[in-house]
Amino acid sequence: MLNSKQRQYLKGQAHSLNPVILVGDAGLSDNLLAELDRTLAHHELIKVRLPAMERNERDSLAAEIVMRSGAEMVQMIGRVLVIYRASEKQRYSLP
């Protein structure tokens, strides 16, 4: 579980990142989840662009992504979700 200081640090690190996972209209397919797992294992901190949909649907999709990936939500601004999952070879040293 990230504390507020760690979350703030990761927000700063994510600011310059571009979304690397784009969720299409098909939603969370097995291939997308496998790619998400590989990307998190390599980068630890990523941005995910969600499809255009109602806010409550987007929130539930973001919650499902976080749950199924084993990551933690750092922030969500509009359609962009920032998630973090520590890997064996840590790239970020959290405060």
PDB file of N, CA and C in Angstrom:
ATOM      1  N   MET A   1       0.840  -1.183   0.000  1.00  0.00           N
ATOM      2  CA  MET A   1       0.000   0.000   0.000  1.00  0.00           C
ATOM      3  C   MET A   1       0.882   1.242   0.000  1.00  0.00           C
ATOM      4  N   LEU A   2       0.639   2.110  -0.936  1.00  0.00           N
ATOM      5  CA  LEU A   2       1.416   3.345  -1.044  1.00  0.00           C
ATOM      6  C   LEU A   2       0.909   4.376  -0.037  1.00  0.00           C
ATOM      7  N   ASN A   3       1.847   5.052   0.625  1.00  0.00           N
ATOM      8  CA  ASN A   3       1.434   6.151   1.485  1.00  0.00           C
ATOM      9  C   ASN A   3       1.401   7.434   0.654  1.00  0.00           C
ATOM     10  N   SER A   4       0.974   8.528   1.243  1.00  0.00           N
ATOM     11  CA  SER A   4       0.784   9.757   0.475  1.00  0.00           C
ATOM     12  C   SER A   4       2.103  10.315  -0.057  1.00  0.00           C
ATOM     13  N   LYS A   5       3.178  10.165   0.691  1.00  0.00           N
ATOM     14  CA  LYS A   5       4.480  10.665   0.241  1.00  0.00           C
ATOM     15  C   LYS A   5       4.966   9.865  -0.976  1.00  0.00           C
ATOM     16  N   GLN A   6       4.800   8.548  -0.940  1.00  0.00           N
ATOM     17  CA  GLN A   6       5.196   7.697  -2.065  1.00  0.00           C
ATOM     18  C   GLN A   6       4.335   7.998  -3.290  1.00  0.00           C
ATOM     19  N   ARG A   7       3.054   8.160  -3.068  1.00  0.00           N
ATOM     20  CA  ARG A   7       2.131   8.456  -4.170  1.00  0.00           C
ATOM     21  C   ARG A   7       2.511   9.790  -4.828  1.00  0.00           C
ATOM     22  N   GLN A   8       2.838  10.792  -4.022  1.00  0.00           N
ATOM     23  CA  GLN A   8       3.227  12.102  -4.557  1.00  0.00           C
ATOM     24  C   GLN A   8       4.512  11.989  -5.370  1.00  0.00           C
ATOM     25  N   TYR A   9       5.479  11.202  -4.877  1.00  0.00           N
ATOM     26  CA  TYR A   9       6.739  10.988  -5.592  1.00  0.00           C
ATOM     27  C   TYR A   9       6.481  10.330  -6.949  1.00  0.00           C
ATOM     28  N   LEU A  10       5.629   9.295  -6.963  1.00  0.00           N
ATOM     29  CA  LEU A  10       5.330   8.586  -8.208  1.00  0.00           C
ATOM     30  C   LEU A  10       4.559   9.462  -9.195  1.00  0.00           C
ATOM     31  N   LYS A  11       3.701  10.342  -8.706  1.00  0.00           N
ATOM     32  CA  LYS A  11       3.003  11.277  -9.586  1.00  0.00           C
ATOM     33  C   LYS A  11       4.012  12.154 -10.324  1.00  0.00           C
ATOM     34  N   GLY A  12       5.013  12.615  -9.598  1.00  0.00           N
ATOM     35  CA  GLY A  12       6.053  13.436 -10.217  1.00  0.00           C
ATOM     36  C   GLY A  12       6.839  12.664 -11.258  1.00  0.00           C
ATOM     37  N   GLN A  13       7.145  11.405 -10.979  1.00  0.00           N
ATOM     38  CA  GLN A  13       7.888  10.570 -11.917  1.00  0.00           C
ATOM     39  C   GLN A  13       7.056  10.264 -13.159  1.00  0.00           C
ATOM     40  N   ALA A  14       5.749  10.129 -12.991  1.00  0.00           N
ATOM     41  CA  ALA A  14       4.863   9.759 -14.103  1.00  0.00           C
ATOM     42  C   ALA A  14       4.515  10.937 -15.001  1.00  0.00           C
ATOM     43  N   HIS A  15       4.772  12.139 -14.531  1.00  0.00           N
ATOM     44  CA  HIS A  15       4.351  13.327 -15.279  1.00  0.00           C
ATOM     45  C   HIS A  15       4.843  13.317 -16.729  1.00  0.00           C
ATOM     46  N   SER A  16       6.079  12.926 -16.946  1.00  0.00           N
ATOM     47  CA  SER A  16       6.650  12.983 -18.298  1.00  0.00           C
ATOM     48  C   SER A  16       6.417  11.711 -19.111  1.00  0.00           C
ATOM     49  N   LEU A  17       5.773  10.714 -18.532  1.00  0.00           N
ATOM     50  CA  LEU A  17       5.532   9.461 -19.252  1.00  0.00           C
ATOM     51  C   LEU A  17       4.373   9.598 -20.234  1.00  0.00           C
ATOM     52  N   ASN A  18       4.447   8.833 -21.296  1.00  0.00           N
ATOM     53  CA  ASN A  18       3.334   8.719 -22.239  1.00  0.00           C
ATOM     54  C   ASN A  18       2.594   7.416 -21.970  1.00  0.00           C
ATOM     55  N   PRO A  19       1.291   7.349 -22.266  1.00  0.00           N
ATOM     56  CA  PRO A  19       0.562   6.090 -22.078  1.00  0.00           C
ATOM     57  C   PRO A  19       1.163   4.979 -22.942  1.00  0.00           C
ATOM     58  N   VAL A  20       1.428   3.831 -22.332  1.00  0.00           N
ATOM     59  CA  VAL A  20       2.006   2.706 -23.068  1.00  0.00           C
ATOM     60  C   VAL A  20       0.988   1.600 -23.314  1.00  0.00           C
ATOM     61  N   ILE A  21      -0.088   1.597 -22.571  1.00  0.00           N
ATOM     62  CA  ILE A  21      -1.169   0.624 -22.768  1.00  0.00           C
ATOM     63  C   ILE A  21      -2.417   1.414 -23.142  1.00  0.00           C
ATOM     64  N   LEU A  22      -3.030   1.036 -24.243  1.00  0.00           N
ATOM     65  CA  LEU A  22      -4.260   1.681 -24.691  1.00  0.00           C
ATOM     66  C   LEU A  22      -5.384   0.648 -24.660  1.00  0.00           C
ATOM     67  N   VAL A  23      -6.366   0.873 -23.808  1.00  0.00           N
ATOM     68  CA  VAL A  23      -7.502  -0.036 -23.707  1.00  0.00           C
ATOM     69  C   VAL A  23      -8.506   0.380 -24.765  1.00  0.00           C
ATOM     70  N   GLY A  24      -8.818  -0.537 -25.659  1.00  0.00           N
ATOM     71  CA  GLY A  24      -9.759  -0.243 -26.733  1.00  0.00           C
ATOM     72  C   GLY A  24     -11.183  -0.565 -26.347  1.00  0.00           C
ATOM     73  N   ASP A  25     -12.048  -0.556 -27.340  1.00  0.00           N
ATOM     74  CA  ASP A  25     -13.459  -0.840 -27.098  1.00  0.00           C
ATOM     75  C   ASP A  25     -13.693  -2.284 -26.667  1.00  0.00           C
ATOM     76  N   ALA A  26     -12.740  -3.173 -26.965  1.00  0.00           N
ATOM     77  CA  ALA A  26     -12.863  -4.581 -26.578  1.00  0.00           C
ATOM     78  C   ALA A  26     -12.696  -4.778 -25.075  1.00  0.00           C
ATOM     79  N   GLY A  27     -12.142  -3.787 -24.394  1.00  0.00           N
ATOM     80  CA  GLY A  27     -11.993  -3.887 -22.941  1.00  0.00           C
ATOM     81  C   GLY A  27     -10.773  -4.691 -22.537  1.00  0.00           C
ATOM     82  N   LEU A  28     -10.900  -5.395 -21.428  1.00  0.00           N
ATOM     83  CA  LEU A  28      -9.777  -6.145 -20.871  1.00  0.00           C
ATOM     84  C   LEU A  28      -9.736  -7.562 -21.428  1.00  0.00           C
ATOM     85  N   SER A  29      -9.030  -7.738 -22.503  1.00  0.00           N
ATOM     86  CA  SER A  29      -8.872  -9.074 -23.079  1.00  0.00           C
ATOM     87  C   SER A  29      -7.679  -9.754 -22.402  1.00  0.00           C
ATOM     88  N   ASP A  30      -7.547 -11.054 -22.624  1.00  0.00           N
ATOM     89  CA  ASP A  30      -6.412 -11.792 -22.067  1.00  0.00           C
ATOM     90  C   ASP A  30      -5.093 -11.264 -22.614  1.00  0.00           C
ATOM     91  N   ASN A  31      -5.074 -10.917 -23.900  1.00  0.00           N
ATOM     92  CA  ASN A  31      -3.851 -10.376 -24.500  1.00  0.00           C
ATOM     93  C   ASN A  31      -3.471  -9.037 -23.883  1.00  0.00           C
ATOM     94  N   LEU A  32      -4.461  -8.191 -23.635  1.00  0.00           N
ATOM     95  CA  LEU A  32      -4.178  -6.899 -23.032  1.00  0.00           C
ATOM     96  C   LEU A  32      -3.639  -7.068 -21.616  1.00  0.00           C
ATOM     97  N   LEU A  33      -4.215  -7.982 -20.854  1.00  0.00           N
ATOM     98  CA  LEU A  33      -3.739  -8.224 -19.492  1.00  0.00           C
ATOM     99  C   LEU A  33      -2.330  -8.810 -19.478  1.00  0.00           C
ATOM    100  N   ALA A  34      -2.017  -9.660 -20.442  1.00  0.00           N
ATOM    101  CA  ALA A  34      -0.663 -10.213 -20.534  1.00  0.00           C
ATOM    102  C   ALA A  34       0.340  -9.112 -20.870  1.00  0.00           C
ATOM    103  N   GLU A  35      -0.025  -8.238 -21.794  1.00  0.00           N
ATOM    104  CA  GLU A  35       0.846  -7.111 -22.151  1.00  0.00           C
ATOM    105  C   GLU A  35       1.005  -6.155 -20.974  1.00  0.00           C
ATOM    106  N   LEU A  36      -0.061  -5.927 -20.248  1.00  0.00           N
ATOM    107  CA  LEU A  36      -0.015  -5.076 -19.064  1.00  0.00           C
ATOM    108  C   LEU A  36       0.936  -5.656 -18.022  1.00  0.00           C
ATOM    109  N   ASP A  37       0.874  -6.972 -17.823  1.00  0.00           N
ATOM    110  CA  ASP A  37       1.759  -7.639 -16.864  1.00  0.00           C
ATOM    111  C   ASP A  37       3.220  -7.504 -17.283  1.00  0.00           C
ATOM    112  N   ARG A  38       3.513  -7.731 -18.557  1.00  0.00           N
ATOM    113  CA  ARG A  38       4.894  -7.599 -19.058  1.00  0.00           C
ATOM    114  C   ARG A  38       5.404  -6.167 -18.921  1.00  0.00           C
ATOM    115  N   THR A  39       4.551  -5.216 -19.249  1.00  0.00           N
ATOM    116  CA  THR A  39       4.947  -3.814 -19.191  1.00  0.00           C
ATOM    117  C   THR A  39       5.203  -3.368 -17.751  1.00  0.00           C
ATOM    118  N   LEU A  40       4.350  -3.783 -16.832  1.00  0.00           N
ATOM    119  CA  LEU A  40       4.564  -3.449 -15.426  1.00  0.00           C
ATOM    120  C   LEU A  40       5.833  -4.095 -14.883  1.00  0.00           C
ATOM    121  N   ALA A  41       6.107  -5.322 -15.297  1.00  0.00           N
ATOM    122  CA  ALA A  41       7.314  -6.007 -14.831  1.00  0.00           C
ATOM    123  C   ALA A  41       8.567  -5.275 -15.296  1.00  0.00           C
ATOM    124  N   HIS A  42       8.490  -4.668 -16.467  1.00  0.00           N
ATOM    125  CA  HIS A  42       9.658  -3.974 -17.017  1.00  0.00           C
ATOM    126  C   HIS A  42       9.769  -2.533 -16.535  1.00  0.00           C
ATOM    127  N   HIS A  43       8.649  -1.800 -16.537  1.00  0.00           N
ATOM    128  CA  HIS A  43       8.688  -0.361 -16.246  1.00  0.00           C
ATOM    129  C   HIS A  43       8.293   0.018 -14.825  1.00  0.00           C
ATOM    130  N   GLU A  44       7.528  -0.792 -14.138  1.00  0.00           N
ATOM    131  CA  GLU A  44       6.988  -0.547 -12.800  1.00  0.00           C
ATOM    132  C   GLU A  44       5.912   0.538 -12.754  1.00  0.00           C
ATOM    133  N   LEU A  45       6.168   1.675 -13.367  1.00  0.00           N
ATOM    134  CA  LEU A  45       5.241   2.802 -13.334  1.00  0.00           C
ATOM    135  C   LEU A  45       4.807   3.100 -14.764  1.00  0.00           C
ATOM    136  N   ILE A  46       3.507   2.978 -15.025  1.00  0.00           N
ATOM    137  CA  ILE A  46       3.034   3.186 -16.396  1.00  0.00           C
ATOM    138  C   ILE A  46       1.742   3.996 -16.405  1.00  0.00           C
ATOM    139  N   LYS A  47       1.454   4.537 -17.589  1.00  0.00           N
ATOM    140  CA  LYS A  47       0.172   5.200 -17.832  1.00  0.00           C
ATOM    141  C   LYS A  47      -0.644   4.310 -18.759  1.00  0.00           C
ATOM    142  N   VAL A  48      -1.938   4.222 -18.461  1.00  0.00           N
ATOM    143  CA  VAL A  48      -2.879   3.441 -19.260  1.00  0.00           C
ATOM    144  C   VAL A  48      -3.971   4.391 -19.742  1.00  0.00           C
ATOM    145  N   ARG A  49      -4.205   4.426 -21.045  1.00  0.00           N
ATOM    146  CA  ARG A  49      -5.285   5.265 -21.587  1.00  0.00           C
ATOM    147  C   ARG A  49      -6.538   4.409 -21.719  1.00  0.00           C
ATOM    148  N   LEU A  50      -7.604   4.893 -21.112  1.00  0.00           N
ATOM    149  CA  LEU A  50      -8.878   4.181 -21.119  1.00  0.00           C
ATOM    150  C   LEU A  50      -9.757   4.707 -22.248  1.00  0.00           C
ATOM    151  N   PRO A  51     -10.709   3.895 -22.701  1.00  0.00           N
ATOM    152  CA  PRO A  51     -11.593   4.350 -23.788  1.00  0.00           C
ATOM    153  C   PRO A  51     -12.581   5.406 -23.291  1.00  0.00           C
ATOM    154  N   ALA A  52     -13.153   6.136 -24.238  1.00  0.00           N
ATOM    155  CA  ALA A  52     -14.167   7.137 -23.900  1.00  0.00           C
ATOM    156  C   ALA A  52     -15.433   6.417 -23.461  1.00  0.00           C
ATOM    157  N   MET A  53     -15.840   6.681 -22.238  1.00  0.00           N
ATOM    158  CA  MET A  53     -17.051   6.077 -21.680  1.00  0.00           C
ATOM    159  C   MET A  53     -17.506   6.924 -20.500  1.00  0.00           C
ATOM    160  N   GLU A  54     -18.632   6.573 -19.944  1.00  0.00           N
ATOM    161  CA  GLU A  54     -19.138   7.292 -18.780  1.00  0.00           C
ATOM    162  C   GLU A  54     -18.156   7.177 -17.616  1.00  0.00           C
ATOM    163  N   ARG A  55     -18.151   8.179 -16.751  1.00  0.00           N
ATOM    164  CA  ARG A  55     -17.186   8.229 -15.650  1.00  0.00           C
ATOM    165  C   ARG A  55     -17.275   7.008 -14.726  1.00  0.00           C
ATOM    166  N   ASN A  56     -18.479   6.597 -14.358  1.00  0.00           N
ATOM    167  CA  ASN A  56     -18.603   5.454 -13.450  1.00  0.00           C
ATOM    168  C   ASN A  56     -18.125   4.162 -14.102  1.00  0.00           C
ATOM    169  N   GLU A  57     -18.332   4.015 -15.406  1.00  0.00           N
ATOM    170  CA  GLU A  57     -17.821   2.847 -16.125  1.00  0.00           C
ATOM    171  C   GLU A  57     -16.299   2.878 -16.170  1.00  0.00           C
ATOM    172  N   ARG A  58     -15.740   4.076 -16.392  1.00  0.00           N
ATOM    173  CA  ARG A  58     -14.293   4.249 -16.438  1.00  0.00           C
ATOM    174  C   ARG A  58     -13.668   3.942 -15.070  1.00  0.00           C
ATOM    175  N   ASP A  59     -14.328   4.388 -14.000  1.00  0.00           N
ATOM    176  CA  ASP A  59     -13.833   4.107 -12.648  1.00  0.00           C
ATOM    177  C   ASP A  59     -13.827   2.619 -12.348  1.00  0.00           C
ATOM    178  N   SER A  60     -14.887   1.919 -12.760  1.00  0.00           N
ATOM    179  CA  SER A  60     -14.937   0.479 -12.500  1.00  0.00           C
ATOM    180  C   SER A  60     -13.929  -0.270 -13.366  1.00  0.00           C
ATOM    181  N   LEU A  61     -13.691   0.197 -14.607  1.00  0.00           N
ATOM    182  CA  LEU A  61     -12.671  -0.414 -15.459  1.00  0.00           C
ATOM    183  C   LEU A  61     -11.287  -0.203 -14.849  1.00  0.00           C
ATOM    184  N   ALA A  62     -11.020   0.994 -14.336  1.00  0.00           N
ATOM    185  CA  ALA A  62      -9.732   1.277 -13.690  1.00  0.00           C
ATOM    186  C   ALA A  62      -9.537   0.390 -12.466  1.00  0.00           C
ATOM    187  N   ALA A  63     -10.586   0.214 -11.673  1.00  0.00           N
ATOM    188  CA  ALA A  63     -10.501  -0.644 -10.489  1.00  0.00           C
ATOM    189  C   ALA A  63     -10.224  -2.092 -10.882  1.00  0.00           C
ATOM    190  N   GLU A  64     -10.836  -2.542 -11.962  1.00  0.00           N
ATOM    191  CA  GLU A  64     -10.609  -3.902 -12.429  1.00  0.00           C
ATOM    192  C   GLU A  64      -9.175  -4.082 -12.941  1.00  0.00           C
ATOM    193  N   ILE A  65      -8.649  -3.081 -13.651  1.00  0.00           N
ATOM    194  CA  ILE A  65      -7.259  -3.139 -14.118  1.00  0.00           C
ATOM    195  C   ILE A  65      -6.310  -3.240 -12.934  1.00  0.00           C
ATOM    196  N   VAL A  66      -6.535  -2.420 -11.928  1.00  0.00           N
ATOM    197  CA  VAL A  66      -5.682  -2.431 -10.739  1.00  0.00           C
ATOM    198  C   VAL A  66      -5.757  -3.787 -10.038  1.00  0.00           C
ATOM    199  N   MET A  67      -6.959  -4.302  -9.870  1.00  0.00           N
ATOM    200  CA  MET A  67      -7.144  -5.574  -9.178  1.00  0.00           C
ATOM    201  C   MET A  67      -6.501  -6.736  -9.950  1.00  0.00           C
ATOM    202  N   ARG A  68      -6.754  -6.807 -11.239  1.00  0.00           N
ATOM    203  CA  ARG A  68      -6.271  -7.946 -12.031  1.00  0.00           C
ATOM    204  C   ARG A  68      -4.776  -7.885 -12.313  1.00  0.00           C
ATOM    205  N   SER A  69      -4.183  -6.690 -12.247  1.00  0.00           N
ATOM    206  CA  SER A  69      -2.748  -6.575 -12.500  1.00  0.00           C
ATOM    207  C   SER A  69      -1.920  -6.674 -11.231  1.00  0.00           C
ATOM    208  N   GLY A  70      -2.553  -6.547 -10.073  1.00  0.00           N
ATOM    209  CA  GLY A  70      -1.810  -6.572  -8.817  1.00  0.00           C
ATOM    210  C   GLY A  70      -1.043  -5.286  -8.572  1.00  0.00           C
ATOM    211  N   ALA A  71      -1.419  -4.233  -9.282  1.00  0.00           N
ATOM    212  CA  ALA A  71      -0.740  -2.942  -9.146  1.00  0.00           C
ATOM    213  C   ALA A  71      -1.523  -2.055  -8.183  1.00  0.00           C
ATOM    214  N   GLU A  72      -0.976  -0.874  -7.954  1.00  0.00           N
ATOM    215  CA  GLU A  72      -1.665   0.124  -7.137  1.00  0.00           C
ATOM    216  C   GLU A  72      -1.908   1.367  -7.975  1.00  0.00           C
ATOM    217  N   MET A  73      -3.078   1.961  -7.790  1.00  0.00           N
ATOM    218  CA  MET A  73      -3.390   3.175  -8.526  1.00  0.00           C
ATOM    219  C   MET A  73      -2.645   4.344  -7.889  1.00  0.00           C
ATOM    220  N   VAL A  74      -1.932   5.083  -8.724  1.00  0.00           N
ATOM    221  CA  VAL A  74      -1.249   6.290  -8.271  1.00  0.00           C
ATOM    222  C   VAL A  74      -2.184   7.473  -8.442  1.00  0.00           C
ATOM    223  N   GLN A  75      -2.757   7.597  -9.637  1.00  0.00           N
ATOM    224  CA  GLN A  75      -3.736   8.648  -9.900  1.00  0.00           C
ATOM    225  C   GLN A  75      -4.497   8.341 -11.180  1.00  0.00           C
ATOM    226  N   MET A  76      -5.621   9.040 -11.330  1.00  0.00           N
ATOM    227  CA  MET A  76      -6.382   8.947 -12.567  1.00  0.00           C
ATOM    228  C   MET A  76      -6.858  10.349 -12.909  1.00  0.00           C
ATOM    229  N   ILE A  77      -6.437  10.803 -14.068  1.00  0.00           N
ATOM    230  CA  ILE A  77      -6.844  12.119 -14.550  1.00  0.00           C
ATOM    231  C   ILE A  77      -7.545  11.910 -15.880  1.00  0.00           C
ATOM    232  N   GLY A  78      -8.834  12.191 -15.900  1.00  0.00           N
ATOM    233  CA  GLY A  78      -9.610  11.987 -17.122  1.00  0.00           C
ATOM    234  C   GLY A  78      -9.581  10.533 -17.540  1.00  0.00           C
ATOM    235  N   ARG A  79      -9.053  10.274 -18.731  1.00  0.00           N
ATOM    236  CA  ARG A  79      -9.001   8.911 -19.264  1.00  0.00           C
ATOM    237  C   ARG A  79      -7.642   8.258 -19.058  1.00  0.00           C
ATOM    238  N   VAL A  80      -6.738   8.906 -18.329  1.00  0.00           N
ATOM    239  CA  VAL A  80      -5.394   8.366 -18.141  1.00  0.00           C
ATOM    240  C   VAL A  80      -5.224   7.883 -16.707  1.00  0.00           C
ATOM    241  N   LEU A  81      -4.888   6.619 -16.586  1.00  0.00           N
ATOM    242  CA  LEU A  81      -4.682   5.960 -15.306  1.00  0.00           C
ATOM    243  C   LEU A  81      -3.190   5.732 -15.117  1.00  0.00           C
ATOM    244  N   VAL A  82      -2.665   6.089 -13.957  1.00  0.00           N
ATOM    245  CA  VAL A  82      -1.257   5.842 -13.633  1.00  0.00           C
ATOM    246  C   VAL A  82      -1.231   4.757 -12.564  1.00  0.00           C
ATOM    247  N   ILE A  83      -0.507   3.656 -12.867  1.00  0.00           N
ATOM    248  CA  ILE A  83      -0.420   2.553 -11.908  1.00  0.00           C
ATOM    249  C   ILE A  83       1.041   2.186 -11.662  1.00  0.00           C
ATOM    250  N   TYR A  84       1.271   1.587 -10.497  1.00  0.00           N
ATOM    251  CA  TYR A  84       2.623   1.205 -10.077  1.00  0.00           C
ATOM    252  C   TYR A  84       2.587  -0.200  -9.487  1.00  0.00           C
ATOM    253  N   ARG A  85       3.576  -0.995  -9.876  1.00  0.00           N
ATOM    254  CA  ARG A  85       3.775  -2.307  -9.260  1.00  0.00           C
ATOM    255  C   ARG A  85       5.275  -2.540  -9.186  1.00  0.00           C
ATOM    256  N   ALA A  86       5.789  -2.715  -7.980  1.00  0.00           N
ATOM    257  CA  ALA A  86       7.221  -2.924  -7.803  1.00  0.00           C
ATOM    258  C   ALA A  86       7.628  -4.241  -8.465  1.00  0.00           C
ATOM    259  N   SER A  87       8.801  -4.230  -9.077  1.00  0.00           N
ATOM    260  CA  SER A  87       9.326  -5.455  -9.692  1.00  0.00           C
ATOM    261  C   SER A  87      10.575  -5.886  -8.935  1.00  0.00           C
ATOM    262  N   GLU A  88      11.119  -7.036  -9.328  1.00  0.00           N
ATOM    263  CA  GLU A  88      12.317  -7.549  -8.658  1.00  0.00           C
ATOM    264  C   GLU A  88      13.484  -6.578  -8.791  1.00  0.00           C
ATOM    265  N   LYS A  89      13.637  -6.006  -9.978  1.00  0.00           N
ATOM    266  CA  LYS A  89      14.705  -5.046 -10.232  1.00  0.00           C
ATOM    267  C   LYS A  89      14.078  -3.646 -10.154  1.00  0.00           C
ATOM    268  N   GLN A  90      14.035  -3.094  -8.959  1.00  0.00           N
ATOM    269  CA  GLN A  90      13.331  -1.840  -8.748  1.00  0.00           C
ATOM    270  C   GLN A  90      13.977  -0.672  -9.466  1.00  0.00           C
ATOM    271  N   ARG A  91      13.167   0.083 -10.195  1.00  0.00           N
ATOM    272  CA  ARG A  91      13.629   1.259 -10.919  1.00  0.00           C
ATOM    273  C   ARG A  91      13.433   2.524 -10.108  1.00  0.00           C
ATOM    274  N   TYR A  92      12.499   2.503  -9.170  1.00  0.00           N
ATOM    275  CA  TYR A  92      12.188   3.667  -8.362  1.00  0.00           C
ATOM    276  C   TYR A  92      12.429   3.335  -6.894  1.00  0.00           C
ATOM    277  N   SER A  93      13.182   4.190  -6.203  1.00  0.00           N
ATOM    278  CA  SER A  93      13.348   3.993  -4.771  1.00  0.00           C
ATOM    279  C   SER A  93      12.359   4.928  -4.073  1.00  0.00           C
ATOM    280  N   LEU A  94      11.347   4.330  -3.514  1.00  0.00           N
ATOM    281  CA  LEU A  94      10.261   5.098  -2.899  1.00  0.00           C
ATOM    282  C   LEU A  94      10.722   5.710  -1.597  1.00  0.00           C
ATOM    283  N   PRO A  95      10.267   6.945  -1.320  1.00  0.00           N
ATOM    284  CA  PRO A  95      10.634   7.593  -0.052  1.00  0.00           C
ATOM    285  C   PRO A  95      10.010   6.892   1.139  1.00  0.00           C
TER     286      PRO A  95
END
